[in-house]
Amino acid sequence: MHKIKIAITALTAGAFGLSGCSNMTETQRDTSTGAAVGAVAGALLGTATAGKNKGKSAATGAALGAAIGAGSGYLWSRHMQEQKTAMEQATQGTGVSVSQTADNQLKLDIPSDISFDSGRYDIKPNLRPILDRFASTLNQNPVTMVTIIGHTDSSGSDAVNNPLSVNRASATRDYLVARGVAMHRISIDGRGSREPVADNNTPAGRAKNRRVEIFVAEPQI
């Protein structure tokens, strides 16, 4: 059993060590991390459910867990990376930020200069081609789920800002639905002025806070 523990520890450390290599792709890093997590989970499950031969069960669980974890990491990364690349190309030079979050969601951060004027929630013309391209990527990846969160600056009261932020998220959702994205895939929320990303005491800061954030996630299996 002691040897099994050493093997699992080595596998986990090796995979996490590989995930930090600078010359690895995102897919390779995610695969290594998935293998490490899967190995530990598999070993623990194998030991917990084993009869007398816990050492063998732990080893088998670790091997299966590593394989499943590596495979899951690869599939997740490949699908999300394709959408991330497509949106980076579609939004190049527009000011839209495209990133991957710590929990493996694709995030689009759309600033006010192309999204919404102060006090309004109608979508500006500059945002339409971006959402058109985004809708296309969503229709090509029908298993993904979308969360749209609207934000405002601190001008006005919560009684005004809270529904305004929801309306901004709703307008974005309705635009995507009109371009073929199923409504049941999209959830919306409004945070009012509660989550600023810049100083509300300056015009530039308030403009940054008037924004909509879009998150895309692929359900875990």
Protein backbone atom coordinates (compact mmCIF):
# COMPACT_ATOMS: atom_id res chain seq x y z
CA MET A 1 0.00 0.00 0.00
CA HIS A 2 2.90 2.32 0.77
CA LYS A 3 4.26 1.77 -2.75
CA ILE A 4 0.87 2.62 -4.22
CA LYS A 5 0.79 5.90 -2.30
CA ILE A 6 4.24 6.77 -3.59
CA ALA A 7 3.20 5.98 -7.19
CA ILE A 8 0.07 8.08 -6.94
CA THR A 9 1.99 10.98 -5.42
CA ALA A 10 4.58 10.79 -8.17
CA LEU A 11 1.96 10.69 -10.90
CA THR A 12 0.11 13.66 -9.41
CA ALA A 13 3.26 15.72 -8.92
CA GLY A 14 4.47 14.87 -12.41
CA ALA A 15 1.23 15.86 -14.08
CA PHE A 16 0.92 19.12 -12.17
CA GLY A 17 4.56 19.82 -12.86
CA LEU A 18 4.01 19.31 -16.58
CA SER A 19 0.96 21.57 -16.48
CA GLY A 20 3.24 24.42 -15.54
CA CYS A 21 5.67 24.01 -18.45
CA SER A 22 5.83 27.17 -20.49
CA ASN A 23 6.20 25.39 -23.83
CA MET A 24 2.96 23.41 -23.48
CA THR A 25 -0.27 24.27 -25.24
CA GLU A 26 -3.45 24.93 -23.27
CA THR A 27 -4.73 21.51 -24.32
CA GLN A 28 -1.61 19.77 -23.03
CA ARG A 29 -1.72 21.65 -19.73
CA ASP A 30 -5.39 20.83 -19.20
CA THR A 31 -4.77 17.19 -20.08
CA SER A 32 -1.93 16.90 -17.56
CA THR A 33 -3.98 18.53 -14.82
CA GLY A 34 -6.94 16.30 -15.61
CA ALA A 35 -4.74 13.24 -15.38
CA ALA A 36 -3.46 14.28 -11.96
CA VAL A 37 -6.88 15.00 -10.53
CA GLY A 38 -8.31 11.83 -12.06
CA ALA A 39 -5.51 9.70 -10.64
CA VAL A 40 -6.06 10.91 -7.09
CA ALA A 41 -9.84 10.62 -7.30
CA GLY A 42 -9.62 7.17 -8.87
CA ALA A 43 -7.19 5.92 -6.26
CA LEU A 44 -9.33 7.15 -3.39
CA LEU A 45 -12.46 5.62 -4.90
CA GLY A 46 -10.69 2.34 -5.57
CA THR A 47 -9.44 2.12 -2.01
CA ALA A 48 -12.78 3.05 -0.50
CA THR A 49 -14.69 0.44 -2.47
CA ALA A 50 -12.11 -2.32 -2.32
CA GLY A 51 -12.35 -5.51 -0.39
CA LYS A 52 -9.21 -7.04 1.04
CA ASN A 53 -6.92 -6.07 -1.81
CA LYS A 54 -6.97 -2.28 -1.36
CA GLY A 55 -3.55 -1.80 -2.88
CA LYS A 56 -4.55 -3.33 -6.21
CA SER A 57 -7.85 -1.44 -6.26
CA ALA A 58 -6.09 1.84 -5.58
CA ALA A 59 -3.65 1.23 -8.41
CA THR A 60 -6.44 0.31 -10.83
CA GLY A 61 -8.48 3.33 -9.77
CA ALA A 62 -5.52 5.63 -10.21
CA ALA A 63 -4.83 4.35 -13.73
CA LEU A 64 -8.45 4.61 -14.83
CA GLY A 65 -8.87 7.99 -13.18
CA ALA A 66 -5.79 9.36 -14.89
CA ALA A 67 -7.02 8.18 -18.28
CA ILE A 68 -10.50 9.61 -17.78
CA GLY A 69 -9.16 12.83 -16.35
CA ALA A 70 -6.74 13.31 -19.21
CA GLY A 71 -9.41 12.58 -21.80
CA SER A 72 -11.94 14.93 -20.21
CA GLY A 73 -9.40 17.70 -20.01
CA TYR A 74 -8.53 17.32 -23.69
CA LEU A 75 -12.12 17.35 -24.91
CA TRP A 76 -13.06 20.35 -22.78
CA SER A 77 -10.02 22.34 -23.82
CA ARG A 78 -10.37 21.53 -27.51
CA HIS A 79 -14.00 22.67 -27.77
CA MET A 80 -13.56 25.76 -25.66
CA GLN A 81 -10.31 26.71 -27.34
CA GLU A 82 -11.96 26.57 -30.77
CA GLN A 83 -14.63 29.03 -29.62
CA LYS A 84 -12.06 31.22 -27.89
CA THR A 85 -9.95 31.41 -31.04
CA ALA A 86 -12.98 32.20 -33.19
CA MET A 87 -14.08 35.02 -30.88
CA GLU A 88 -10.57 36.44 -30.61
CA GLN A 89 -10.49 36.70 -34.38
CA ALA A 90 -13.99 38.18 -34.54
CA THR A 91 -13.30 40.81 -31.87
CA GLN A 92 -9.75 41.77 -32.80
CA GLY A 93 -9.31 45.52 -32.47
CA THR A 94 -12.80 46.10 -31.05
CA GLY A 95 -11.89 46.41 -27.37
CA VAL A 96 -13.77 43.24 -26.41
CA SER A 97 -11.78 41.10 -24.00
CA VAL A 98 -11.84 37.34 -24.63
CA SER A 99 -10.41 35.13 -21.91
CA GLN A 100 -10.59 31.75 -20.22
CA THR A 101 -11.64 31.84 -16.58
CA ALA A 102 -10.14 29.80 -13.76
CA ASP A 103 -13.11 27.43 -13.88
CA ASN A 104 -12.75 26.87 -17.64
CA GLN A 105 -15.43 29.17 -18.93
CA LEU A 106 -15.02 31.36 -21.96
CA LYS A 107 -15.58 35.00 -21.01
CA LEU A 108 -16.38 37.95 -23.27
CA ASP A 109 -16.14 41.33 -21.56
CA ILE A 110 -17.86 43.92 -23.75
CA PRO A 111 -17.17 47.59 -22.87
CA SER A 112 -19.64 50.46 -23.11
CA ASP A 113 -18.15 52.14 -26.16
CA ILE A 114 -19.52 49.34 -28.34
CA SER A 115 -22.33 48.03 -26.16
CA PHE A 116 -24.56 50.50 -24.30
CA ASP A 117 -24.89 54.23 -23.84
CA SER A 118 -25.46 55.67 -20.38
CA GLY A 119 -28.96 54.91 -19.14
CA ARG A 120 -29.85 52.78 -22.18
CA TYR A 121 -30.03 49.09 -23.02
CA ASP A 122 -30.51 49.10 -26.79
CA ILE A 123 -27.61 47.40 -28.55
CA LYS A 124 -25.31 49.74 -30.44
CA PRO A 125 -24.44 49.06 -34.10
CA ASN A 126 -20.79 48.29 -33.35
CA LEU A 127 -21.81 45.37 -31.16
CA ARG A 128 -24.05 43.67 -33.71
CA PRO A 129 -21.36 42.07 -35.92
CA ILE A 130 -19.62 40.75 -32.80
CA LEU A 131 -22.81 39.16 -31.53
CA ASP A 132 -23.51 37.82 -35.03
CA ARG A 133 -20.19 35.97 -35.00
CA PHE A 134 -20.74 34.87 -31.42
CA ALA A 135 -24.16 33.43 -32.29
CA SER A 136 -22.53 31.52 -35.14
CA THR A 137 -19.99 29.89 -32.79
CA LEU A 138 -22.75 29.01 -30.34
CA ASN A 139 -24.82 27.38 -33.07
CA GLN A 140 -21.79 25.32 -34.05
CA ASN A 141 -21.39 24.16 -30.43
CA PRO A 142 -24.96 23.35 -29.32
CA VAL A 143 -24.04 21.77 -25.98
CA THR A 144 -22.60 24.94 -24.51
CA MET A 145 -24.56 27.05 -22.03
CA VAL A 146 -24.41 30.84 -21.83
CA THR A 147 -24.70 33.26 -18.92
CA ILE A 148 -25.04 36.98 -19.66
CA ILE A 149 -24.52 39.50 -16.86
CA GLY A 150 -25.33 43.18 -17.24
CA HIS A 151 -23.64 45.99 -15.28
CA THR A 152 -24.08 49.73 -14.84
CA ASP A 153 -22.04 52.59 -13.48
CA SER A 154 -22.96 54.24 -10.19
CA SER A 155 -24.97 57.08 -11.72
CA GLY A 156 -28.53 56.97 -10.45
CA SER A 157 -30.10 54.84 -7.74
CA ASP A 158 -30.31 51.07 -7.36
CA ALA A 159 -33.98 51.33 -8.30
CA VAL A 160 -32.82 52.49 -11.74
CA ASN A 161 -29.53 50.61 -12.13
CA ASN A 162 -30.66 47.13 -11.10
CA PRO A 163 -33.40 46.75 -13.75
CA LEU A 164 -31.20 48.56 -16.29
CA SER A 165 -28.45 45.97 -15.86
CA VAL A 166 -30.97 43.15 -16.31
CA ASN A 167 -32.37 44.83 -19.41
CA ARG A 168 -28.88 45.01 -20.91
CA ALA A 169 -28.41 41.28 -20.38
CA SER A 170 -31.91 40.62 -21.74
CA ALA A 171 -31.31 42.70 -24.87
CA THR A 172 -28.11 40.75 -25.55
CA ARG A 173 -29.91 37.44 -25.05
CA ASP A 174 -32.77 38.44 -27.34
CA TYR A 175 -30.31 39.42 -30.07
CA LEU A 176 -28.64 36.00 -29.90
CA VAL A 177 -31.98 34.18 -29.86
CA ALA A 178 -33.05 36.10 -32.96
CA ARG A 179 -30.00 34.60 -34.66
CA GLY A 180 -30.86 31.01 -33.89
CA VAL A 181 -29.45 30.39 -30.42
CA ALA A 182 -31.97 28.43 -28.33
CA MET A 183 -33.32 30.54 -25.47
CA HIS A 184 -33.10 27.66 -22.97
CA ARG A 185 -29.30 27.75 -23.34
CA ILE A 186 -29.06 31.32 -22.08
CA SER A 187 -29.49 32.60 -18.54
CA ILE A 188 -29.28 36.28 -17.63
CA ASP A 189 -28.56 38.34 -14.55
CA GLY A 190 -28.05 41.98 -13.64
CA ARG A 191 -25.65 43.24 -11.00
CA GLY A 192 -26.50 46.94 -11.14
CA SER A 193 -23.50 48.99 -10.04
CA ARG A 194 -22.38 46.47 -7.40
CA GLU A 195 -19.39 45.04 -9.29
CA PRO A 196 -17.39 47.94 -10.76
CA VAL A 197 -14.15 47.26 -12.59
CA ALA A 198 -13.04 50.90 -12.61
CA ASP A 199 -13.38 54.13 -10.63
CA ASN A 200 -16.91 55.50 -10.82
CA ASN A 201 -15.62 58.98 -9.97
CA THR A 202 -14.29 59.55 -13.49
CA PRO A 203 -16.11 59.52 -16.85
CA ALA A 204 -13.66 56.94 -18.20
CA GLY A 205 -14.18 54.71 -15.19
CA ARG A 206 -17.96 54.92 -15.41
CA ALA A 207 -17.78 54.01 -19.09
CA LYS A 208 -15.82 50.85 -18.25
CA ASN A 209 -18.40 49.87 -15.66
CA ARG A 210 -21.27 50.09 -18.17
CA ARG A 211 -20.72 46.71 -19.69
CA VAL A 212 -22.03 43.24 -20.30
CA GLU A 213 -20.14 40.05 -19.53
CA ILE A 214 -20.87 36.82 -21.38
CA PHE A 215 -19.77 33.45 -20.04
CA VAL A 216 -19.82 30.21 -22.03
CA ALA A 217 -19.51 26.83 -20.36
CA GLU A 218 -19.64 23.25 -21.55
CA PRO A 219 -21.47 20.95 -19.12
CA GLN A 220 -19.23 18.56 -17.21
CA ILE A 221 -19.95 14.88 -17.78
